[in-house]
Amino acid sequence: MDQPGFDHHTHIPGTTLFDGKQAMKGYALNKMCYAFNKQEHREAFAADEEGFMEQYGLNEDHKQAIRDRDVLAMIAAGGNIYYLAKLTGIFKLSVQDVGGMQTGMTTEEFKQHLLDQA
């Protein structure tokens, strides 16, 4: 149910809205990332990234974003940050690293920005 006066398609600079269209676009990517809840799947991905991506039916945009370790491209390709968190963990990236990417700041700048908001 929509809230009065709320436009769910409002553009927020630097933000990709995760809506139904994005969910469908990123279904395979998010399904693969959900699998990383199990250690054996994280290990299988580390051993053969290409084969693991193929097993989940990722399209070329998904695969290239992963190859490039480009989290913003993963989000643009339909990745949900809650699922991507497992994948970014495999890449040794923190939530603050991703926040910095999304805001155009370094990780240290982003951390300071968060502290300044407190």
N, C-alpha and C. Protein backbone atom coordinates (compact mmCIF):
# COMPACT_ATOMS: atom_id res chain seq x y z
N MET A 1 0.83 -1.17 0.00
CA MET A 1 0.00 0.00 0.00
C MET A 1 0.89 1.24 0.00
N ASP A 2 0.66 2.11 -0.96
CA ASP A 2 1.46 3.32 -1.06
C ASP A 2 1.05 4.33 -0.01
N GLN A 3 2.03 5.08 0.45
CA GLN A 3 1.76 6.16 1.39
C GLN A 3 1.35 7.39 0.59
N PRO A 4 0.39 8.17 1.08
CA PRO A 4 -0.01 9.40 0.37
C PRO A 4 1.20 10.31 0.17
N GLY A 5 1.34 10.83 -1.05
CA GLY A 5 2.42 11.75 -1.34
C GLY A 5 3.78 11.09 -1.54
N PHE A 6 3.84 9.76 -1.49
CA PHE A 6 5.11 9.06 -1.66
C PHE A 6 5.20 8.52 -3.07
N ASP A 7 6.20 8.97 -3.79
CA ASP A 7 6.43 8.49 -5.15
C ASP A 7 7.54 7.45 -5.08
N HIS A 8 7.18 6.19 -5.24
CA HIS A 8 8.18 5.13 -5.11
C HIS A 8 9.17 5.09 -6.27
N HIS A 9 9.02 5.96 -7.23
CA HIS A 9 9.98 6.02 -8.33
C HIS A 9 10.81 7.30 -8.27
N THR A 10 10.85 7.92 -7.13
CA THR A 10 11.66 9.12 -6.95
C THR A 10 13.12 8.79 -7.17
N HIS A 11 13.80 9.64 -7.92
CA HIS A 11 15.23 9.43 -8.17
C HIS A 11 16.03 9.97 -6.99
N ILE A 12 16.86 9.13 -6.43
CA ILE A 12 17.78 9.52 -5.37
C ILE A 12 19.17 9.45 -5.97
N PRO A 13 19.85 10.58 -6.10
CA PRO A 13 21.17 10.58 -6.75
C PRO A 13 22.12 9.55 -6.14
N GLY A 14 22.76 8.79 -7.02
CA GLY A 14 23.73 7.78 -6.58
C GLY A 14 23.10 6.50 -6.08
N THR A 15 21.79 6.38 -6.19
CA THR A 15 21.09 5.22 -5.65
C THR A 15 20.33 4.49 -6.74
N THR A 16 20.48 3.18 -6.78
CA THR A 16 19.66 2.33 -7.64
C THR A 16 18.56 1.77 -6.76
N LEU A 17 17.32 2.12 -7.07
CA LEU A 17 16.20 1.61 -6.28
C LEU A 17 15.99 0.13 -6.56
N PHE A 18 15.85 -0.65 -5.51
CA PHE A 18 15.59 -2.08 -5.66
C PHE A 18 14.09 -2.27 -5.62
N ASP A 19 13.50 -2.41 -6.80
CA ASP A 19 12.06 -2.61 -6.93
C ASP A 19 11.82 -3.94 -7.63
N GLY A 20 10.60 -4.19 -8.00
CA GLY A 20 10.26 -5.46 -8.65
C GLY A 20 11.04 -5.69 -9.93
N LYS A 21 11.22 -4.64 -10.71
CA LYS A 21 11.97 -4.76 -11.97
C LYS A 21 13.42 -5.17 -11.69
N GLN A 22 14.04 -4.51 -10.70
CA GLN A 22 15.42 -4.85 -10.34
C GLN A 22 15.50 -6.26 -9.76
N ALA A 23 14.49 -6.65 -8.99
CA ALA A 23 14.48 -7.99 -8.40
C ALA A 23 14.49 -9.06 -9.49
N MET A 24 13.69 -8.85 -10.53
CA MET A 24 13.66 -9.81 -11.62
C MET A 24 14.99 -9.80 -12.39
N LYS A 25 15.52 -8.61 -12.60
CA LYS A 25 16.78 -8.45 -13.32
C LYS A 25 17.93 -9.16 -12.61
N GLY A 26 17.92 -9.13 -11.28
CA GLY A 26 19.02 -9.69 -10.51
C GLY A 26 18.74 -11.01 -9.85
N TYR A 27 17.64 -11.67 -10.25
CA TYR A 27 17.24 -12.90 -9.56
C TYR A 27 18.37 -13.93 -9.47
N ALA A 28 19.01 -14.23 -10.58
CA ALA A 28 20.07 -15.26 -10.58
C ALA A 28 21.25 -14.84 -9.71
N LEU A 29 21.63 -13.57 -9.79
CA LEU A 29 22.73 -13.06 -8.99
C LEU A 29 22.41 -13.15 -7.50
N ASN A 30 21.21 -12.73 -7.13
CA ASN A 30 20.82 -12.78 -5.72
C ASN A 30 20.68 -14.21 -5.21
N LYS A 31 20.19 -15.09 -6.08
CA LYS A 31 20.08 -16.50 -5.70
C LYS A 31 21.47 -17.09 -5.44
N MET A 32 22.42 -16.75 -6.30
CA MET A 32 23.78 -17.23 -6.10
C MET A 32 24.35 -16.70 -4.79
N CYS A 33 24.15 -15.41 -4.54
CA CYS A 33 24.69 -14.81 -3.31
C CYS A 33 24.06 -15.42 -2.07
N TYR A 34 22.78 -15.78 -2.14
CA TYR A 34 22.13 -16.43 -1.01
C TYR A 34 22.81 -17.76 -0.69
N ALA A 35 23.30 -18.43 -1.73
CA ALA A 35 23.98 -19.71 -1.52
C ALA A 35 25.24 -19.55 -0.67
N PHE A 36 25.80 -18.35 -0.64
CA PHE A 36 27.02 -18.13 0.14
C PHE A 36 26.79 -18.15 1.64
N ASN A 37 25.57 -18.39 2.06
CA ASN A 37 25.31 -18.62 3.49
C ASN A 37 25.99 -19.90 3.95
N LYS A 38 26.30 -20.78 3.01
CA LYS A 38 26.98 -22.04 3.33
C LYS A 38 28.46 -21.94 2.96
N GLN A 39 29.28 -22.32 3.90
CA GLN A 39 30.73 -22.25 3.72
C GLN A 39 31.18 -23.04 2.48
N GLU A 40 30.60 -24.20 2.26
CA GLU A 40 31.03 -25.01 1.11
C GLU A 40 30.77 -24.30 -0.22
N HIS A 41 29.74 -23.47 -0.28
CA HIS A 41 29.47 -22.71 -1.50
C HIS A 41 30.48 -21.57 -1.67
N ARG A 42 30.86 -20.93 -0.57
CA ARG A 42 31.88 -19.89 -0.65
C ARG A 42 33.20 -20.50 -1.13
N GLU A 43 33.51 -21.69 -0.63
CA GLU A 43 34.73 -22.37 -1.05
C GLU A 43 34.66 -22.79 -2.51
N ALA A 44 33.50 -23.27 -2.95
CA ALA A 44 33.33 -23.67 -4.35
C ALA A 44 33.48 -22.47 -5.28
N PHE A 45 32.94 -21.34 -4.89
CA PHE A 45 33.08 -20.12 -5.69
C PHE A 45 34.54 -19.71 -5.78
N ALA A 46 35.24 -19.72 -4.65
CA ALA A 46 36.65 -19.34 -4.63
C ALA A 46 37.49 -20.27 -5.51
N ALA A 47 37.11 -21.53 -5.58
CA ALA A 47 37.87 -22.51 -6.37
C ALA A 47 37.61 -22.37 -7.86
N ASP A 48 36.38 -21.98 -8.25
CA ASP A 48 36.02 -21.90 -9.67
C ASP A 48 34.90 -20.88 -9.85
N GLU A 49 35.27 -19.61 -9.87
CA GLU A 49 34.27 -18.54 -9.99
C GLU A 49 33.41 -18.69 -11.24
N GLU A 50 34.06 -18.92 -12.38
CA GLU A 50 33.31 -19.01 -13.64
C GLU A 50 32.31 -20.16 -13.62
N GLY A 51 32.75 -21.31 -13.17
CA GLY A 51 31.87 -22.47 -13.10
C GLY A 51 30.72 -22.25 -12.14
N PHE A 52 31.00 -21.62 -11.01
CA PHE A 52 29.96 -21.36 -10.02
C PHE A 52 28.94 -20.38 -10.58
N MET A 53 29.40 -19.33 -11.26
CA MET A 53 28.47 -18.36 -11.85
C MET A 53 27.61 -19.03 -12.92
N GLU A 54 28.22 -19.89 -13.69
CA GLU A 54 27.48 -20.61 -14.75
C GLU A 54 26.40 -21.50 -14.14
N GLN A 55 26.73 -22.15 -13.04
CA GLN A 55 25.78 -23.04 -12.36
C GLN A 55 24.50 -22.30 -11.96
N TYR A 56 24.63 -21.02 -11.65
CA TYR A 56 23.46 -20.23 -11.22
C TYR A 56 22.84 -19.43 -12.36
N GLY A 57 23.34 -19.58 -13.57
CA GLY A 57 22.73 -18.95 -14.73
C GLY A 57 22.89 -17.44 -14.80
N LEU A 58 24.00 -16.93 -14.28
CA LEU A 58 24.22 -15.49 -14.33
C LEU A 58 24.39 -15.02 -15.77
N ASN A 59 23.87 -13.85 -16.07
CA ASN A 59 24.06 -13.29 -17.40
C ASN A 59 25.42 -12.61 -17.48
N GLU A 60 25.77 -12.13 -18.65
CA GLU A 60 27.11 -11.56 -18.84
C GLU A 60 27.33 -10.30 -18.01
N ASP A 61 26.28 -9.47 -17.82
CA ASP A 61 26.42 -8.27 -16.98
C ASP A 61 26.77 -8.66 -15.55
N HIS A 62 26.08 -9.67 -15.02
CA HIS A 62 26.37 -10.15 -13.66
C HIS A 62 27.81 -10.65 -13.58
N LYS A 63 28.17 -11.50 -14.53
CA LYS A 63 29.51 -12.11 -14.51
C LYS A 63 30.61 -11.06 -14.60
N GLN A 64 30.44 -10.09 -15.51
CA GLN A 64 31.49 -9.09 -15.68
C GLN A 64 31.62 -8.22 -14.44
N ALA A 65 30.52 -7.87 -13.83
CA ALA A 65 30.57 -7.07 -12.60
C ALA A 65 31.32 -7.83 -11.50
N ILE A 66 31.10 -9.14 -11.42
CA ILE A 66 31.80 -9.96 -10.44
C ILE A 66 33.27 -10.07 -10.79
N ARG A 67 33.57 -10.31 -12.04
CA ARG A 67 34.98 -10.39 -12.46
C ARG A 67 35.73 -9.10 -12.13
N ASP A 68 35.03 -7.97 -12.33
CA ASP A 68 35.64 -6.67 -12.09
C ASP A 68 35.59 -6.26 -10.62
N ARG A 69 34.90 -7.05 -9.80
CA ARG A 69 34.73 -6.72 -8.37
C ARG A 69 34.05 -5.35 -8.24
N ASP A 70 33.12 -5.09 -9.16
CA ASP A 70 32.43 -3.80 -9.25
C ASP A 70 31.07 -3.91 -8.58
N VAL A 71 31.02 -3.59 -7.31
CA VAL A 71 29.80 -3.73 -6.52
C VAL A 71 28.69 -2.83 -7.06
N LEU A 72 29.04 -1.63 -7.48
CA LEU A 72 28.01 -0.73 -8.01
C LEU A 72 27.39 -1.29 -9.30
N ALA A 73 28.19 -1.94 -10.12
CA ALA A 73 27.65 -2.58 -11.33
C ALA A 73 26.77 -3.78 -10.96
N MET A 74 27.13 -4.48 -9.88
CA MET A 74 26.29 -5.59 -9.41
C MET A 74 24.93 -5.06 -8.96
N ILE A 75 24.93 -3.94 -8.26
CA ILE A 75 23.67 -3.33 -7.82
C ILE A 75 22.86 -2.88 -9.03
N ALA A 76 23.51 -2.25 -9.99
CA ALA A 76 22.83 -1.80 -11.20
C ALA A 76 22.26 -2.98 -11.99
N ALA A 77 22.90 -4.14 -11.88
CA ALA A 77 22.45 -5.35 -12.58
C ALA A 77 21.39 -6.11 -11.80
N GLY A 78 20.87 -5.48 -10.73
CA GLY A 78 19.77 -6.11 -9.98
C GLY A 78 20.18 -6.74 -8.67
N GLY A 79 21.43 -6.59 -8.28
CA GLY A 79 21.88 -7.16 -7.02
C GLY A 79 21.29 -6.41 -5.83
N ASN A 80 20.84 -7.14 -4.85
CA ASN A 80 20.33 -6.57 -3.61
C ASN A 80 21.48 -6.56 -2.61
N ILE A 81 21.73 -5.41 -2.01
CA ILE A 81 22.90 -5.26 -1.13
C ILE A 81 22.89 -6.28 0.00
N TYR A 82 21.72 -6.70 0.46
CA TYR A 82 21.67 -7.68 1.56
C TYR A 82 22.20 -9.04 1.11
N TYR A 83 21.95 -9.40 -0.15
CA TYR A 83 22.50 -10.64 -0.68
C TYR A 83 23.96 -10.45 -1.09
N LEU A 84 24.25 -9.29 -1.69
CA LEU A 84 25.60 -9.02 -2.14
C LEU A 84 26.60 -8.96 -0.99
N ALA A 85 26.12 -8.70 0.22
CA ALA A 85 27.02 -8.61 1.38
C ALA A 85 27.84 -9.89 1.54
N LYS A 86 27.25 -11.04 1.26
CA LYS A 86 28.02 -12.30 1.35
C LYS A 86 29.12 -12.34 0.31
N LEU A 87 28.80 -11.89 -0.90
CA LEU A 87 29.80 -11.89 -1.97
C LEU A 87 30.89 -10.87 -1.69
N THR A 88 30.52 -9.68 -1.25
CA THR A 88 31.53 -8.68 -0.96
C THR A 88 32.42 -9.13 0.19
N GLY A 89 31.88 -9.91 1.11
CA GLY A 89 32.70 -10.48 2.18
C GLY A 89 33.77 -11.42 1.64
N ILE A 90 33.41 -12.19 0.62
CA ILE A 90 34.38 -13.08 -0.03
C ILE A 90 35.51 -12.24 -0.64
N PHE A 91 35.15 -11.05 -1.14
CA PHE A 91 36.13 -10.16 -1.74
C PHE A 91 36.86 -9.32 -0.69
N LYS A 92 36.57 -9.58 0.59
CA LYS A 92 37.20 -8.85 1.70
C LYS A 92 36.82 -7.37 1.73
N LEU A 93 35.58 -7.07 1.31
CA LEU A 93 35.06 -5.71 1.37
C LEU A 93 34.06 -5.61 2.51
N SER A 94 34.12 -4.52 3.25
CA SER A 94 33.19 -4.30 4.35
C SER A 94 31.99 -3.48 3.88
N VAL A 95 31.01 -3.36 4.74
CA VAL A 95 29.85 -2.51 4.45
C VAL A 95 30.32 -1.06 4.27
N GLN A 96 31.31 -0.65 5.05
CA GLN A 96 31.83 0.71 4.92
C GLN A 96 32.54 0.90 3.57
N ASP A 97 33.22 -0.14 3.08
CA ASP A 97 33.83 -0.06 1.75
C ASP A 97 32.76 0.20 0.69
N VAL A 98 31.67 -0.54 0.77
CA VAL A 98 30.58 -0.39 -0.20
C VAL A 98 29.92 0.98 -0.04
N GLY A 99 29.72 1.42 1.19
CA GLY A 99 29.15 2.74 1.42
C GLY A 99 30.00 3.83 0.80
N GLY A 100 31.31 3.70 0.92
CA GLY A 100 32.22 4.64 0.29
C GLY A 100 32.07 4.64 -1.22
N MET A 101 31.97 3.45 -1.81
CA MET A 101 31.79 3.35 -3.26
C MET A 101 30.50 4.07 -3.68
N GLN A 102 29.43 3.85 -2.92
CA GLN A 102 28.13 4.41 -3.29
C GLN A 102 28.11 5.93 -3.17
N THR A 103 28.92 6.48 -2.29
CA THR A 103 28.91 7.93 -2.07
C THR A 103 30.08 8.64 -2.73
N GLY A 104 30.96 7.89 -3.37
CA GLY A 104 32.12 8.49 -4.03
C GLY A 104 33.21 8.90 -3.05
N MET A 105 33.19 8.30 -1.86
CA MET A 105 34.19 8.59 -0.85
C MET A 105 35.12 7.40 -0.69
N THR A 106 36.28 7.66 -0.11
CA THR A 106 37.12 6.54 0.29
C THR A 106 36.46 5.88 1.51
N THR A 107 36.90 4.70 1.84
CA THR A 107 36.35 4.03 3.03
C THR A 107 36.58 4.88 4.27
N GLU A 108 37.76 5.44 4.41
CA GLU A 108 38.06 6.26 5.59
C GLU A 108 37.20 7.52 5.63
N GLU A 109 37.00 8.15 4.47
CA GLU A 109 36.12 9.33 4.42
C GLU A 109 34.70 8.96 4.80
N PHE A 110 34.24 7.82 4.32
CA PHE A 110 32.88 7.38 4.62
C PHE A 110 32.72 7.08 6.12
N LYS A 111 33.71 6.42 6.70
CA LYS A 111 33.66 6.14 8.14
C LYS A 111 33.60 7.44 8.94
N GLN A 112 34.40 8.43 8.54
CA GLN A 112 34.40 9.71 9.24
C GLN A 112 33.05 10.41 9.05
N HIS A 113 32.51 10.30 7.85
CA HIS A 113 31.19 10.88 7.57
C HIS A 113 30.13 10.28 8.52
N LEU A 114 30.18 8.99 8.71
CA LEU A 114 29.24 8.34 9.62
C LEU A 114 29.44 8.83 11.05
N LEU A 115 30.69 8.96 11.48
CA LEU A 115 30.97 9.46 12.82
C LEU A 115 30.49 10.90 12.99
N ASP A 116 30.64 11.69 11.95
CA ASP A 116 30.22 13.08 12.01
C ASP A 116 28.70 13.22 12.12
N GLN A 117 27.97 12.21 11.67
CA GLN A 117 26.51 12.25 11.70
C GLN A 117 25.96 11.86 13.08
N ALA A 118 26.79 11.25 13.91
CA ALA A 118 26.33 10.77 15.21
C ALA A 118 26.08 11.88 16.20
